[in-house]
Amino acid sequence: MKKWVKTGLSWGFTMFLIIVVVFPWFQGKEITVKSVVIGIILWGIGGLLFGLSMKSRLEGKEKN
């Protein structure tokens, strides 16, 4: 697996845990299956986009 994919998915997973699990748990809100599924999809895509943007940014700096 490419490094940018691992980086992006780990970032997305961390954000998923914080936003979908930790915040609602501290606020005493219910964590539903629907919110978990939506969170996995959104933060997975967001993580991959983050990883890709970091890859592009680092490649741009290497060319300078």
PDB file of N, CA and C in Angstrom:
ATOM      1  N   MET A   1       0.853  -1.179   0.000  1.00  0.00           N
ATOM      2  CA  MET A   1       0.000   0.000   0.000  1.00  0.00           C
ATOM      3  C   MET A   1       0.894   1.236   0.000  1.00  0.00           C
ATOM      4  N   LYS A   2       0.494   2.215  -0.752  1.00  0.00           N
ATOM      5  CA  LYS A   2       1.283   3.436  -0.876  1.00  0.00           C
ATOM      6  C   LYS A   2       1.245   4.227   0.431  1.00  0.00           C
ATOM      7  N   LYS A   3       2.323   4.962   0.667  1.00  0.00           N
ATOM      8  CA  LYS A   3       2.459   5.701   1.923  1.00  0.00           C
ATOM      9  C   LYS A   3       1.360   6.753   2.080  1.00  0.00           C
ATOM     10  N   TRP A   4       0.995   7.446   0.990  1.00  0.00           N
ATOM     11  CA  TRP A   4      -0.011   8.502   1.099  1.00  0.00           C
ATOM     12  C   TRP A   4      -1.373   7.920   1.450  1.00  0.00           C
ATOM     13  N   VAL A   5      -1.651   6.682   1.007  1.00  0.00           N
ATOM     14  CA  VAL A   5      -2.920   6.036   1.332  1.00  0.00           C
ATOM     15  C   VAL A   5      -2.946   5.692   2.821  1.00  0.00           C
ATOM     16  N   LYS A   6      -1.847   5.132   3.333  1.00  0.00           N
ATOM     17  CA  LYS A   6      -1.762   4.804   4.760  1.00  0.00           C
ATOM     18  C   LYS A   6      -1.899   6.061   5.616  1.00  0.00           C
ATOM     19  N   THR A   7      -1.210   7.109   5.216  1.00  0.00           N
ATOM     20  CA  THR A   7      -1.278   8.368   5.959  1.00  0.00           C
ATOM     21  C   THR A   7      -2.701   8.918   5.953  1.00  0.00           C
ATOM     22  N   GLY A   8      -3.319   8.936   4.792  1.00  0.00           N
ATOM     23  CA  GLY A   8      -4.678   9.464   4.681  1.00  0.00           C
ATOM     24  C   GLY A   8      -5.686   8.651   5.460  1.00  0.00           C
ATOM     25  N   LEU A   9      -5.597   7.321   5.368  1.00  0.00           N
ATOM     26  CA  LEU A   9      -6.553   6.484   6.095  1.00  0.00           C
ATOM     27  C   LEU A   9      -6.344   6.562   7.602  1.00  0.00           C
ATOM     28  N   SER A  10      -5.102   6.687   8.047  1.00  0.00           N
ATOM     29  CA  SER A  10      -4.877   6.822   9.488  1.00  0.00           C
ATOM     30  C   SER A  10      -5.408   8.166   9.988  1.00  0.00           C
ATOM     31  N   TRP A  11      -5.243   9.221   9.197  1.00  0.00           N
ATOM     32  CA  TRP A  11      -5.798  10.527   9.567  1.00  0.00           C
ATOM     33  C   TRP A  11      -7.323  10.451   9.596  1.00  0.00           C
ATOM     34  N   GLY A  12      -7.909   9.842   8.567  1.00  0.00           N
ATOM     35  CA  GLY A  12      -9.360   9.700   8.501  1.00  0.00           C
ATOM     36  C   GLY A  12      -9.904   8.875   9.655  1.00  0.00           C
ATOM     37  N   PHE A  13      -9.218   7.796  10.019  1.00  0.00           N
ATOM     38  CA  PHE A  13      -9.655   6.951  11.126  1.00  0.00           C
ATOM     39  C   PHE A  13      -9.601   7.712  12.450  1.00  0.00           C
ATOM     40  N   THR A  14      -8.532   8.486  12.638  1.00  0.00           N
ATOM     41  CA  THR A  14      -8.416   9.293  13.859  1.00  0.00           C
ATOM     42  C   THR A  14      -9.547  10.313  13.941  1.00  0.00           C
ATOM     43  N   MET A  15      -9.809  10.996  12.843  1.00  0.00           N
ATOM     44  CA  MET A  15     -10.893  11.974  12.826  1.00  0.00           C
ATOM     45  C   MET A  15     -12.243  11.304  13.044  1.00  0.00           C
ATOM     46  N   PHE A  16     -12.441  10.134  12.454  1.00  0.00           N
ATOM     47  CA  PHE A  16     -13.672   9.370  12.650  1.00  0.00           C
ATOM     48  C   PHE A  16     -13.880   9.080  14.133  1.00  0.00           C
ATOM     49  N   LEU A  17     -12.848   8.578  14.785  1.00  0.00           N
ATOM     50  CA  LEU A  17     -12.978   8.259  16.215  1.00  0.00           C
ATOM     51  C   LEU A  17     -13.327   9.492  17.037  1.00  0.00           C
ATOM     52  N   ILE A  18     -12.650  10.585  16.762  1.00  0.00           N
ATOM     53  CA  ILE A  18     -12.880  11.803  17.543  1.00  0.00           C
ATOM     54  C   ILE A  18     -14.277  12.367  17.297  1.00  0.00           C
ATOM     55  N   ILE A  19     -14.652  12.520  16.043  1.00  0.00           N
ATOM     56  CA  ILE A  19     -15.906  13.191  15.693  1.00  0.00           C
ATOM     57  C   ILE A  19     -17.130  12.303  15.907  1.00  0.00           C
ATOM     58  N   VAL A  20     -17.036  11.032  15.524  1.00  0.00           N
ATOM     59  CA  VAL A  20     -18.212  10.161  15.545  1.00  0.00           C
ATOM     60  C   VAL A  20     -18.369   9.422  16.875  1.00  0.00           C
ATOM     61  N   VAL A  21     -17.261   9.155  17.566  1.00  0.00           N
ATOM     62  CA  VAL A  21     -17.338   8.357  18.791  1.00  0.00           C
ATOM     63  C   VAL A  21     -17.085   9.197  20.042  1.00  0.00           C
ATOM     64  N   VAL A  22     -15.947   9.875  20.101  1.00  0.00           N
ATOM     65  CA  VAL A  22     -15.530  10.550  21.334  1.00  0.00           C
ATOM     66  C   VAL A  22     -16.435  11.731  21.676  1.00  0.00           C
ATOM     67  N   PHE A  23     -16.646  12.655  20.741  1.00  0.00           N
ATOM     68  CA  PHE A  23     -17.481  13.826  21.031  1.00  0.00           C
ATOM     69  C   PHE A  23     -18.895  13.454  21.474  1.00  0.00           C
ATOM     70  N   PRO A  24     -19.599  12.594  20.729  1.00  0.00           N
ATOM     71  CA  PRO A  24     -20.943  12.216  21.184  1.00  0.00           C
ATOM     72  C   PRO A  24     -20.922  11.511  22.542  1.00  0.00           C
ATOM     73  N   TRP A  25     -19.909  10.697  22.792  1.00  0.00           N
ATOM     74  CA  TRP A  25     -19.821   9.981  24.060  1.00  0.00           C
ATOM     75  C   TRP A  25     -19.663  10.962  25.223  1.00  0.00           C
ATOM     76  N   PHE A  26     -18.796  11.963  25.073  1.00  0.00           N
ATOM     77  CA  PHE A  26     -18.610  12.971  26.122  1.00  0.00           C
ATOM     78  C   PHE A  26     -19.854  13.835  26.309  1.00  0.00           C
ATOM     79  N   GLN A  27     -20.594  14.072  25.236  1.00  0.00           N
ATOM     80  CA  GLN A  27     -21.797  14.890  25.313  1.00  0.00           C
ATOM     81  C   GLN A  27     -23.011  14.091  25.743  1.00  0.00           C
ATOM     82  N   GLY A  28     -22.858  12.789  25.933  1.00  0.00           N
ATOM     83  CA  GLY A  28     -23.962  11.945  26.358  1.00  0.00           C
ATOM     84  C   GLY A  28     -24.972  11.666  25.259  1.00  0.00           C
ATOM     85  N   LYS A  29     -24.564  11.834  24.008  1.00  0.00           N
ATOM     86  CA  LYS A  29     -25.461  11.578  22.884  1.00  0.00           C
ATOM     87  C   LYS A  29     -25.344  10.124  22.445  1.00  0.00           C
ATOM     88  N   GLU A  30     -26.380   9.651  21.769  1.00  0.00           N
ATOM     89  CA  GLU A  30     -26.405   8.279  21.294  1.00  0.00           C
ATOM     90  C   GLU A  30     -25.527   8.135  20.053  1.00  0.00           C
ATOM     91  N   ILE A  31     -24.767   7.048  20.003  1.00  0.00           N
ATOM     92  CA  ILE A  31     -23.956   6.722  18.836  1.00  0.00           C
ATOM     93  C   ILE A  31     -24.719   5.648  18.077  1.00  0.00           C
ATOM     94  N   THR A  32     -25.226   6.005  16.908  1.00  0.00           N
ATOM     95  CA  THR A  32     -26.081   5.093  16.144  1.00  0.00           C
ATOM     96  C   THR A  32     -25.293   4.387  15.039  1.00  0.00           C
ATOM     97  N   VAL A  33     -25.842   3.294  14.566  1.00  0.00           N
ATOM     98  CA  VAL A  33     -25.232   2.565  13.449  1.00  0.00           C
ATOM     99  C   VAL A  33     -25.176   3.467  12.219  1.00  0.00           C
ATOM    100  N   LYS A  34     -26.232   4.235  12.009  1.00  0.00           N
ATOM    101  CA  LYS A  34     -26.277   5.138  10.859  1.00  0.00           C
ATOM    102  C   LYS A  34     -25.140   6.154  10.909  1.00  0.00           C
ATOM    103  N   SER A  35     -24.910   6.765  12.072  1.00  0.00           N
ATOM    104  CA  SER A  35     -23.848   7.762  12.179  1.00  0.00           C
ATOM    105  C   SER A  35     -22.480   7.122  12.002  1.00  0.00           C
ATOM    106  N   VAL A  36     -22.317   5.888  12.460  1.00  0.00           N
ATOM    107  CA  VAL A  36     -21.040   5.193  12.300  1.00  0.00           C
ATOM    108  C   VAL A  36     -20.788   4.879  10.824  1.00  0.00           C
ATOM    109  N   VAL A  37     -21.796   4.372  10.119  1.00  0.00           N
ATOM    110  CA  VAL A  37     -21.634   4.029   8.699  1.00  0.00           C
ATOM    111  C   VAL A  37     -21.347   5.281   7.876  1.00  0.00           C
ATOM    112  N   ILE A  38     -22.108   6.328   8.118  1.00  0.00           N
ATOM    113  CA  ILE A  38     -21.882   7.589   7.398  1.00  0.00           C
ATOM    114  C   ILE A  38     -20.499   8.140   7.720  1.00  0.00           C
ATOM    115  N   GLY A  39     -20.111   8.058   8.992  1.00  0.00           N
ATOM    116  CA  GLY A  39     -18.789   8.537   9.397  1.00  0.00           C
ATOM    117  C   GLY A  39     -17.662   7.773   8.730  1.00  0.00           C
ATOM    118  N   ILE A  40     -17.805   6.442   8.637  1.00  0.00           N
ATOM    119  CA  ILE A  40     -16.775   5.632   7.988  1.00  0.00           C
ATOM    120  C   ILE A  40     -16.611   6.050   6.529  1.00  0.00           C
ATOM    121  N   ILE A  41     -17.721   6.223   5.860  1.00  0.00           N
ATOM    122  CA  ILE A  41     -17.667   6.608   4.439  1.00  0.00           C
ATOM    123  C   ILE A  41     -17.058   8.000   4.274  1.00  0.00           C
ATOM    124  N   LEU A  42     -17.583   8.973   5.012  1.00  0.00           N
ATOM    125  CA  LEU A  42     -17.109  10.351   4.865  1.00  0.00           C
ATOM    126  C   LEU A  42     -15.650  10.515   5.278  1.00  0.00           C
ATOM    127  N   TRP A  43     -15.281   9.955   6.437  1.00  0.00           N
ATOM    128  CA  TRP A  43     -13.908  10.127   6.904  1.00  0.00           C
ATOM    129  C   TRP A  43     -12.927   9.279   6.117  1.00  0.00           C
ATOM    130  N   GLY A  44     -13.397   8.175   5.525  1.00  0.00           N
ATOM    131  CA  GLY A  44     -12.543   7.391   4.633  1.00  0.00           C
ATOM    132  C   GLY A  44     -12.201   8.180   3.384  1.00  0.00           C
ATOM    133  N   ILE A  45     -13.221   8.771   2.778  1.00  0.00           N
ATOM    134  CA  ILE A  45     -13.003   9.602   1.586  1.00  0.00           C
ATOM    135  C   ILE A  45     -12.180  10.836   1.949  1.00  0.00           C
ATOM    136  N   GLY A  46     -12.537  11.471   3.053  1.00  0.00           N
ATOM    137  CA  GLY A  46     -11.790  12.649   3.495  1.00  0.00           C
ATOM    138  C   GLY A  46     -10.333  12.333   3.782  1.00  0.00           C
ATOM    139  N   GLY A  47     -10.090  11.184   4.391  1.00  0.00           N
ATOM    140  CA  GLY A  47      -8.720  10.770   4.673  1.00  0.00           C
ATOM    141  C   GLY A  47      -7.914  10.543   3.409  1.00  0.00           C
ATOM    142  N   LEU A  48      -8.536   9.889   2.425  1.00  0.00           N
ATOM    143  CA  LEU A  48      -7.832   9.673   1.161  1.00  0.00           C
ATOM    144  C   LEU A  48      -7.540  10.989   0.454  1.00  0.00           C
ATOM    145  N   LEU A  49      -8.486  11.916   0.498  1.00  0.00           N
ATOM    146  CA  LEU A  49      -8.246  13.236  -0.101  1.00  0.00           C
ATOM    147  C   LEU A  49      -7.135  13.979   0.639  1.00  0.00           C
ATOM    148  N   PHE A  50      -7.121  13.851   1.963  1.00  0.00           N
ATOM    149  CA  PHE A  50      -6.057  14.462   2.762  1.00  0.00           C
ATOM    150  C   PHE A  50      -4.701  13.874   2.375  1.00  0.00           C
ATOM    151  N   GLY A  51      -4.622  12.544   2.307  1.00  0.00           N
ATOM    152  CA  GLY A  51      -3.368  11.891   1.939  1.00  0.00           C
ATOM    153  C   GLY A  51      -2.900  12.295   0.559  1.00  0.00           C
ATOM    154  N   LEU A  52      -3.827  12.369  -0.387  1.00  0.00           N
ATOM    155  CA  LEU A  52      -3.484  12.770  -1.750  1.00  0.00           C
ATOM    156  C   LEU A  52      -2.996  14.218  -1.796  1.00  0.00           C
ATOM    157  N   SER A  53      -3.643  15.095  -1.030  1.00  0.00           N
ATOM    158  CA  SER A  53      -3.211  16.495  -1.019  1.00  0.00           C
ATOM    159  C   SER A  53      -1.828  16.635  -0.382  1.00  0.00           C
ATOM    160  N   MET A  54      -1.546  15.844   0.649  1.00  0.00           N
ATOM    161  CA  MET A  54      -0.219  15.883   1.271  1.00  0.00           C
ATOM    162  C   MET A  54       0.838  15.347   0.306  1.00  0.00           C
ATOM    163  N   LYS A  55       0.498  14.311  -0.443  1.00  0.00           N
ATOM    164  CA  LYS A  55       1.412  13.761  -1.445  1.00  0.00           C
ATOM    165  C   LYS A  55       1.730  14.821  -2.489  1.00  0.00           C
ATOM    166  N   SER A  56       0.698  15.484  -2.993  1.00  0.00           N
ATOM    167  CA  SER A  56       0.898  16.522  -4.005  1.00  0.00           C
ATOM    168  C   SER A  56       1.723  17.675  -3.465  1.00  0.00           C
ATOM    169  N   ARG A  57       1.445  18.056  -2.230  1.00  0.00           N
ATOM    170  CA  ARG A  57       2.170  19.170  -1.625  1.00  0.00           C
ATOM    171  C   ARG A  57       3.644  18.831  -1.439  1.00  0.00           C
ATOM    172  N   LEU A  58       3.917  17.620  -0.963  1.00  0.00           N
ATOM    173  CA  LEU A  58       5.317  17.231  -0.739  1.00  0.00           C
ATOM    174  C   LEU A  58       6.059  17.059  -2.062  1.00  0.00           C
ATOM    175  N   GLU A  59       5.402  16.541  -3.084  1.00  0.00           N
ATOM    176  CA  GLU A  59       6.043  16.433  -4.392  1.00  0.00           C
ATOM    177  C   GLU A  59       6.355  17.792  -4.970  1.00  0.00           C
ATOM    178  N   GLY A  60       5.486  18.765  -4.729  1.00  0.00           N
ATOM    179  CA  GLY A  60       5.719  20.126  -5.209  1.00  0.00           C
ATOM    180  C   GLY A  60       6.915  20.768  -4.527  1.00  0.00           C
ATOM    181  N   LYS A  61       7.098  20.503  -3.240  1.00  0.00           N
ATOM    182  CA  LYS A  61       8.244  21.062  -2.517  1.00  0.00           C
ATOM    183  C   LYS A  61       9.560  20.413  -2.958  1.00  0.00           C
ATOM    184  N   GLU A  62       9.504  19.123  -3.315  1.00  0.00           N
ATOM    185  CA  GLU A  62      10.712  18.439  -3.757  1.00  0.00           C
ATOM    186  C   GLU A  62      11.206  18.987  -5.094  1.00  0.00           C
ATOM    187  N   LYS A  63      10.313  19.491  -5.936  1.00  0.00           N
ATOM    188  CA  LYS A  63      10.703  20.026  -7.235  1.00  0.00           C
ATOM    189  C   LYS A  63      11.367  21.376  -7.118  1.00  0.00           C
ATOM    190  N   ASN A  64      11.101  22.106  -6.031  1.00  0.00           N
ATOM    191  CA  ASN A  64      11.686  23.451  -5.849  1.00  0.00           C
ATOM    192  C   ASN A  64      13.105  23.381  -5.385  1.00  0.00           C
TER     193      ASN A  64
END
